[in-house]
Amino acid sequence: MPFKPAARYPADPRAVFILALSSFSGLTALAFKVAPESLEAVLPRWGVILWGILLSVGSVITLLGMARQTVNGIITEQVGSVMVGVTTVYWAVLAIRILGSSALQDVTIILAWGLACLWRWGQLQALINSSHKRGKRKAALEGDRLYEAEQSIHRQVAIDQADSEEQNAMDRRDDLDGTGGGTDGARQ
């Protein structure tokens, strides 16, 4: 399914809120011991740390990219979106795998958030591709105009050369005929 180019500005306040919440969630997993009933409790500590870092850093990178209205801002937002998307989809799949279908209700929102982040990456890539195509078309049109102008100059140079050669031939003929080449037509 092809992505439609994203509209970037202004940033959607709902996305900013959820990204800030994701960053906070990742930081709390890093800073505090998790509750025994949470999914993080069944992960090894390094898994919780990795998950927390990727979620927090990815969210902050996405927010920074959203704040920059440049090509680099778009790319930065893409990097962060992929980090958050992969992290949250991983967490959702892990939860379903460990807890079974009883986790579906709780995990569906997290899974949807991760898929939405990955979808956003696709939208931003479509925006970059669309801009690139427009740029190539513009360059091609300008190149065509330059080519046409160059050809026009070459045609004019050829016409000027032909006129010059014709004038030289007429001058030689006048010299041979003895009619001269003066401006008043009289021979000196």
C-alpha atoms as a PDB file:
ATOM      1  CA  MET A   1       0.000   0.000   0.000  1.00  0.00           C
ATOM      2  CA  PRO A   2       1.688   3.254  -1.082  1.00  0.00           C
ATOM      3  CA  PHE A   3       2.097   6.009   1.449  1.00  0.00           C
ATOM      4  CA  LYS A   4       0.801   9.503   0.794  1.00  0.00           C
ATOM      5  CA  PRO A   5       3.282  12.286   1.584  1.00  0.00           C
ATOM      6  CA  ALA A   6       2.971  13.539   5.134  1.00  0.00           C
ATOM      7  CA  ALA A   7       1.875  16.983   6.126  1.00  0.00           C
ATOM      8  CA  ARG A   8       4.407  17.970   8.749  1.00  0.00           C
ATOM      9  CA  TYR A   9       3.591  21.288  10.316  1.00  0.00           C
ATOM     10  CA  PRO A  10       2.407  22.142  12.811  1.00  0.00           C
ATOM     11  CA  ALA A  11       3.149  19.058  14.862  1.00  0.00           C
ATOM     12  CA  ASP A  12       0.051  17.170  15.999  1.00  0.00           C
ATOM     13  CA  PRO A  13      -0.331  17.870  19.740  1.00  0.00           C
ATOM     14  CA  ARG A  14      -1.657  14.332  20.283  1.00  0.00           C
ATOM     15  CA  ALA A  15       1.562  12.892  18.837  1.00  0.00           C
ATOM     16  CA  VAL A  16       3.667  15.241  20.985  1.00  0.00           C
ATOM     17  CA  PHE A  17       1.753  14.119  24.098  1.00  0.00           C
ATOM     18  CA  ILE A  18       2.107  10.402  23.351  1.00  0.00           C
ATOM     19  CA  LEU A  19       5.798  10.784  22.494  1.00  0.00           C
ATOM     20  CA  ALA A  20       6.412  12.641  25.755  1.00  0.00           C
ATOM     21  CA  LEU A  21       4.487   9.923  27.590  1.00  0.00           C
ATOM     22  CA  SER A  22       6.543   7.222  25.828  1.00  0.00           C
ATOM     23  CA  SER A  23       9.762   8.938  26.829  1.00  0.00           C
ATOM     24  CA  PHE A  24       8.556   9.156  30.432  1.00  0.00           C
ATOM     25  CA  SER A  25       7.530   5.486  30.385  1.00  0.00           C
ATOM     26  CA  GLY A  26      10.956   4.445  29.133  1.00  0.00           C
ATOM     27  CA  LEU A  27      12.712   6.565  31.749  1.00  0.00           C
ATOM     28  CA  THR A  28      10.639   5.106  34.593  1.00  0.00           C
ATOM     29  CA  ALA A  29      11.517   1.590  33.427  1.00  0.00           C
ATOM     30  CA  LEU A  30      15.190   2.596  33.611  1.00  0.00           C
ATOM     31  CA  ALA A  31      15.035   4.409  36.954  1.00  0.00           C
ATOM     32  CA  PHE A  32      12.710   2.273  39.045  1.00  0.00           C
ATOM     33  CA  LYS A  33      12.316  -1.353  39.849  1.00  0.00           C
ATOM     34  CA  VAL A  34       9.298  -2.633  37.956  1.00  0.00           C
ATOM     35  CA  ALA A  35       6.202  -3.938  39.654  1.00  0.00           C
ATOM     36  CA  PRO A  36       6.008  -7.753  39.876  1.00  0.00           C
ATOM     37  CA  GLU A  37       2.827  -7.936  37.805  1.00  0.00           C
ATOM     38  CA  SER A  38       4.208  -5.875  34.924  1.00  0.00           C
ATOM     39  CA  LEU A  39       5.540  -7.327  31.709  1.00  0.00           C
ATOM     40  CA  GLU A  40       8.943  -5.836  32.459  1.00  0.00           C
ATOM     41  CA  ALA A  41       9.137  -8.178  35.451  1.00  0.00           C
ATOM     42  CA  VAL A  42       9.383 -11.207  33.139  1.00  0.00           C
ATOM     43  CA  LEU A  43      12.109  -9.635  31.005  1.00  0.00           C
ATOM     44  CA  PRO A  44      15.745  -9.865  32.046  1.00  0.00           C
ATOM     45  CA  ARG A  45      17.019  -6.562  33.465  1.00  0.00           C
ATOM     46  CA  TRP A  46      19.106  -5.883  30.352  1.00  0.00           C
ATOM     47  CA  GLY A  47      15.926  -6.289  28.249  1.00  0.00           C
ATOM     48  CA  VAL A  48      14.102  -3.723  30.370  1.00  0.00           C
ATOM     49  CA  ILE A  49      17.081  -1.346  30.127  1.00  0.00           C
ATOM     50  CA  LEU A  50      17.336  -1.761  26.356  1.00  0.00           C
ATOM     51  CA  TRP A  51      13.582  -1.295  25.957  1.00  0.00           C
ATOM     52  CA  GLY A  52      13.610   1.812  28.175  1.00  0.00           C
ATOM     53  CA  ILE A  53      16.553   3.377  26.339  1.00  0.00           C
ATOM     54  CA  LEU A  54      15.100   2.741  22.878  1.00  0.00           C
ATOM     55  CA  LEU A  55      11.661   4.021  23.862  1.00  0.00           C
ATOM     56  CA  SER A  56      12.992   7.163  25.592  1.00  0.00           C
ATOM     57  CA  VAL A  57      15.694   8.032  23.081  1.00  0.00           C
ATOM     58  CA  GLY A  58      13.455   7.252  20.110  1.00  0.00           C
ATOM     59  CA  SER A  59      10.700   9.486  21.497  1.00  0.00           C
ATOM     60  CA  VAL A  60      13.082  12.382  22.155  1.00  0.00           C
ATOM     61  CA  ILE A  61      14.668  12.022  18.693  1.00  0.00           C
ATOM     62  CA  THR A  62      11.206  12.050  17.113  1.00  0.00           C
ATOM     63  CA  LEU A  63      10.226  15.178  19.045  1.00  0.00           C
ATOM     64  CA  LEU A  64      13.459  16.922  18.031  1.00  0.00           C
ATOM     65  CA  GLY A  65      12.855  16.006  14.393  1.00  0.00           C
ATOM     66  CA  MET A  66       9.295  17.294  14.565  1.00  0.00           C
ATOM     67  CA  ALA A  67      10.581  20.627  15.888  1.00  0.00           C
ATOM     68  CA  ARG A  68      13.021  21.158  12.982  1.00  0.00           C
ATOM     69  CA  GLN A  69      11.411  22.302   9.752  1.00  0.00           C
ATOM     70  CA  THR A  70      14.200  21.068   7.501  1.00  0.00           C
ATOM     71  CA  VAL A  71      15.110  17.984   5.517  1.00  0.00           C
ATOM     72  CA  ASN A  72      17.333  16.934   8.416  1.00  0.00           C
ATOM     73  CA  GLY A  73      14.328  17.379  10.713  1.00  0.00           C
ATOM     74  CA  ILE A  74      12.327  14.983   8.547  1.00  0.00           C
ATOM     75  CA  ILE A  75      15.128  12.419   8.599  1.00  0.00           C
ATOM     76  CA  THR A  76      15.558  12.839  12.367  1.00  0.00           C
ATOM     77  CA  GLU A  77      11.828  12.309  12.866  1.00  0.00           C
ATOM     78  CA  GLN A  78      12.054   9.173  10.725  1.00  0.00           C
ATOM     79  CA  VAL A  79      14.879   7.715  12.800  1.00  0.00           C
ATOM     80  CA  GLY A  80      12.997   8.345  16.034  1.00  0.00           C
ATOM     81  CA  SER A  81       9.736   6.989  14.598  1.00  0.00           C
ATOM     82  CA  VAL A  82      11.425   3.737  13.623  1.00  0.00           C
ATOM     83  CA  MET A  83      13.010   3.399  17.068  1.00  0.00           C
ATOM     84  CA  VAL A  84       9.697   3.953  18.862  1.00  0.00           C
ATOM     85  CA  GLY A  85       7.778   1.815  16.365  1.00  0.00           C
ATOM     86  CA  VAL A  86      10.075  -1.184  16.577  1.00  0.00           C
ATOM     87  CA  THR A  87      10.337  -0.909  20.361  1.00  0.00           C
ATOM     88  CA  THR A  88       6.590  -0.748  20.959  1.00  0.00           C
ATOM     89  CA  VAL A  89       5.735  -3.453  18.415  1.00  0.00           C
ATOM     90  CA  TYR A  90       8.380  -5.685  20.038  1.00  0.00           C
ATOM     91  CA  TRP A  91       6.901  -5.038  23.477  1.00  0.00           C
ATOM     92  CA  ALA A  92       3.334  -5.753  22.231  1.00  0.00           C
ATOM     93  CA  VAL A  93       4.315  -9.005  20.515  1.00  0.00           C
ATOM     94  CA  LEU A  94       6.271 -10.085  23.586  1.00  0.00           C
ATOM     95  CA  ALA A  95       3.296  -9.324  25.844  1.00  0.00           C
ATOM     96  CA  ILE A  96       0.939 -11.359  23.691  1.00  0.00           C
ATOM     97  CA  ARG A  97       3.428 -14.199  23.532  1.00  0.00           C
ATOM     98  CA  ILE A  98       4.019 -14.284  27.296  1.00  0.00           C
ATOM     99  CA  LEU A  99       0.559 -13.392  28.586  1.00  0.00           C
ATOM    100  CA  GLY A 100      -1.547 -14.860  25.775  1.00  0.00           C
ATOM    101  CA  SER A 101      -4.834 -13.534  24.502  1.00  0.00           C
ATOM    102  CA  SER A 102      -5.641 -12.032  27.893  1.00  0.00           C
ATOM    103  CA  ALA A 103      -3.141  -9.266  27.036  1.00  0.00           C
ATOM    104  CA  LEU A 104      -4.867  -8.279  23.785  1.00  0.00           C
ATOM    105  CA  GLN A 105      -7.103  -5.603  25.250  1.00  0.00           C
ATOM    106  CA  ASP A 106      -4.267  -3.828  27.047  1.00  0.00           C
ATOM    107  CA  VAL A 107      -1.646  -4.376  24.376  1.00  0.00           C
ATOM    108  CA  THR A 108      -3.715  -3.341  21.359  1.00  0.00           C
ATOM    109  CA  ILE A 109      -3.174   0.370  22.004  1.00  0.00           C
ATOM    110  CA  ILE A 110       0.571  -0.106  22.352  1.00  0.00           C
ATOM    111  CA  LEU A 111       0.701  -2.217  19.207  1.00  0.00           C
ATOM    112  CA  ALA A 112      -1.336   0.401  17.314  1.00  0.00           C
ATOM    113  CA  TRP A 113       1.027   3.132  18.556  1.00  0.00           C
ATOM    114  CA  GLY A 114       4.038   1.194  17.289  1.00  0.00           C
ATOM    115  CA  LEU A 115       2.424   0.552  13.911  1.00  0.00           C
ATOM    116  CA  ALA A 116       1.421   4.230  13.695  1.00  0.00           C
ATOM    117  CA  CYS A 117       5.062   5.232  14.277  1.00  0.00           C
ATOM    118  CA  LEU A 118       6.206   2.899  11.508  1.00  0.00           C
ATOM    119  CA  TRP A 119       3.434   4.246   9.248  1.00  0.00           C
ATOM    120  CA  ARG A 120       4.690   7.774   9.978  1.00  0.00           C
ATOM    121  CA  TRP A 121       8.139   6.716   8.777  1.00  0.00           C
ATOM    122  CA  GLY A 122       6.537   5.640   5.488  1.00  0.00           C
ATOM    123  CA  GLN A 123       4.665   8.929   5.151  1.00  0.00           C
ATOM    124  CA  LEU A 124       7.846  10.914   5.698  1.00  0.00           C
ATOM    125  CA  GLN A 125       9.710   8.745   3.186  1.00  0.00           C
ATOM    126  CA  ALA A 126       6.943   9.440   0.656  1.00  0.00           C
ATOM    127  CA  LEU A 127       7.362  13.163   1.363  1.00  0.00           C
ATOM    128  CA  ILE A 128      11.103  12.927   0.720  1.00  0.00           C
ATOM    129  CA  ASN A 129      10.547  10.893  -2.471  1.00  0.00           C
ATOM    130  CA  SER A 130       7.898  13.345  -3.710  1.00  0.00           C
ATOM    131  CA  SER A 131      10.182  16.319  -3.089  1.00  0.00           C
ATOM    132  CA  HIS A 132      13.041  14.528  -4.828  1.00  0.00           C
ATOM    133  CA  LYS A 133      10.892  13.819  -7.905  1.00  0.00           C
ATOM    134  CA  ARG A 134       9.709  17.444  -8.041  1.00  0.00           C
ATOM    135  CA  GLY A 135      13.306  18.591  -7.793  1.00  0.00           C
ATOM    136  CA  LYS A 136      14.379  16.265 -10.599  1.00  0.00           C
ATOM    137  CA  ARG A 137      11.478  17.474 -12.783  1.00  0.00           C
ATOM    138  CA  LYS A 138      12.378  21.093 -12.113  1.00  0.00           C
ATOM    139  CA  ALA A 139      16.028  20.434 -12.933  1.00  0.00           C
ATOM    140  CA  ALA A 140      15.011  18.610 -16.118  1.00  0.00           C
ATOM    141  CA  LEU A 141      12.816  21.528 -17.184  1.00  0.00           C
ATOM    142  CA  GLU A 142      15.585  23.982 -16.480  1.00  0.00           C
ATOM    143  CA  GLY A 143      17.976  21.691 -18.321  1.00  0.00           C
ATOM    144  CA  ASP A 144      15.575  21.596 -21.295  1.00  0.00           C
ATOM    145  CA  ARG A 145      15.385  25.383 -21.295  1.00  0.00           C
ATOM    146  CA  LEU A 146      19.174  25.624 -21.155  1.00  0.00           C
ATOM    147  CA  TYR A 147      19.452  23.117 -24.003  1.00  0.00           C
ATOM    148  CA  GLU A 148      16.912  25.060 -26.074  1.00  0.00           C
ATOM    149  CA  ALA A 149      18.740  28.330 -25.404  1.00  0.00           C
ATOM    150  CA  GLU A 150      22.040  26.714 -26.347  1.00  0.00           C
ATOM    151  CA  GLN A 151      20.529  25.352 -29.555  1.00  0.00           C
ATOM    152  CA  SER A 152      19.083  28.784 -30.346  1.00  0.00           C
ATOM    153  CA  ILE A 153      22.531  30.317 -29.903  1.00  0.00           C
ATOM    154  CA  HIS A 154      24.070  27.654 -32.157  1.00  0.00           C
ATOM    155  CA  ARG A 155      21.393  28.332 -34.801  1.00  0.00           C
ATOM    156  CA  GLN A 156      22.015  32.071 -34.596  1.00  0.00           C
ATOM    157  CA  VAL A 157      25.784  31.573 -34.871  1.00  0.00           C
ATOM    158  CA  ALA A 158      25.227  29.382 -37.948  1.00  0.00           C
ATOM    159  CA  ILE A 159      22.956  32.039 -39.503  1.00  0.00           C
ATOM    160  CA  ASP A 160      25.496  34.773 -38.734  1.00  0.00           C
ATOM    161  CA  GLN A 161      28.276  32.655 -40.267  1.00  0.00           C
ATOM    162  CA  ALA A 162      26.210  32.016 -43.373  1.00  0.00           C
ATOM    163  CA  ASP A 163      25.400  35.730 -43.672  1.00  0.00           C
ATOM    164  CA  SER A 164      29.064  36.587 -43.187  1.00  0.00           C
ATOM    165  CA  GLU A 165      30.162  34.044 -45.802  1.00  0.00           C
ATOM    166  CA  GLU A 166      27.509  35.348 -48.189  1.00  0.00           C
ATOM    167  CA  GLN A 167      28.682  38.922 -47.640  1.00  0.00           C
ATOM    168  CA  ASN A 168      32.317  37.862 -48.180  1.00  0.00           C
ATOM    169  CA  ALA A 169      31.346  36.076 -51.406  1.00  0.00           C
ATOM    170  CA  MET A 170      29.475  39.173 -52.637  1.00  0.00           C
ATOM    171  CA  ASP A 171      32.485  41.373 -51.784  1.00  0.00           C
ATOM    172  CA  ARG A 172      34.830  39.031 -53.711  1.00  0.00           C
ATOM    173  CA  ARG A 173      32.487  39.024 -56.697  1.00  0.00           C
ATOM    174  CA  ASP A 174      32.301  42.806 -56.613  1.00  0.00           C
ATOM    175  CA  ASP A 175      36.111  42.953 -56.508  1.00  0.00           C
ATOM    176  CA  LEU A 176      36.367  40.579 -59.495  1.00  0.00           C
ATOM    177  CA  ASP A 177      33.719  42.451 -61.447  1.00  0.00           C
ATOM    178  CA  GLY A 178      35.408  45.703 -60.723  1.00  0.00           C
ATOM    179  CA  THR A 179      32.305  47.219 -59.261  1.00  0.00           C
ATOM    180  CA  GLY A 180      34.055  47.822 -55.947  1.00  0.00           C
ATOM    181  CA  GLY A 181      32.693  47.565 -52.502  1.00  0.00           C
ATOM    182  CA  GLY A 182      32.300  51.195 -51.512  1.00  0.00           C
ATOM    183  CA  THR A 183      29.323  52.489 -49.737  1.00  0.00           C
ATOM    184  CA  ASP A 184      28.317  54.846 -52.479  1.00  0.00           C
ATOM    185  CA  GLY A 185      28.761  52.203 -55.170  1.00  0.00           C
ATOM    186  CA  ALA A 186      31.543  54.219 -56.929  1.00  0.00           C
ATOM    187  CA  ARG A 187      34.927  52.735 -57.524  1.00  0.00           C
ATOM    188  CA  GLN A 188      37.911  54.498 -56.104  1.00  0.00           C
END
